Amino acid sequence: MFTMIVVRTQIKDLLKESGTDVQNISSDFCEKLDAKVRELVTEACKRAAANSRRTAMARDI
């Protein structure tokens, strides 16, 4: 098992700020979002490494 990157309470706060009528998220939503974030970060790091950098930047996303 691994530590979740996304924080459920932060996502729920974002829902409130979004101006939509969506009030809840399912547990599988958080799991899927976490997997997407991990994938995005991993791909960005690969791009940074391919460009001989040790720092991932916004342009790597």
Foldseek 3Di string as FASTA:
>chain_A
DDDQPDDQVVVQVVVVVVPDPDRDDDPVVSVVVSVVVVVLVVQQCVVCVVVVHRDRDPVSD
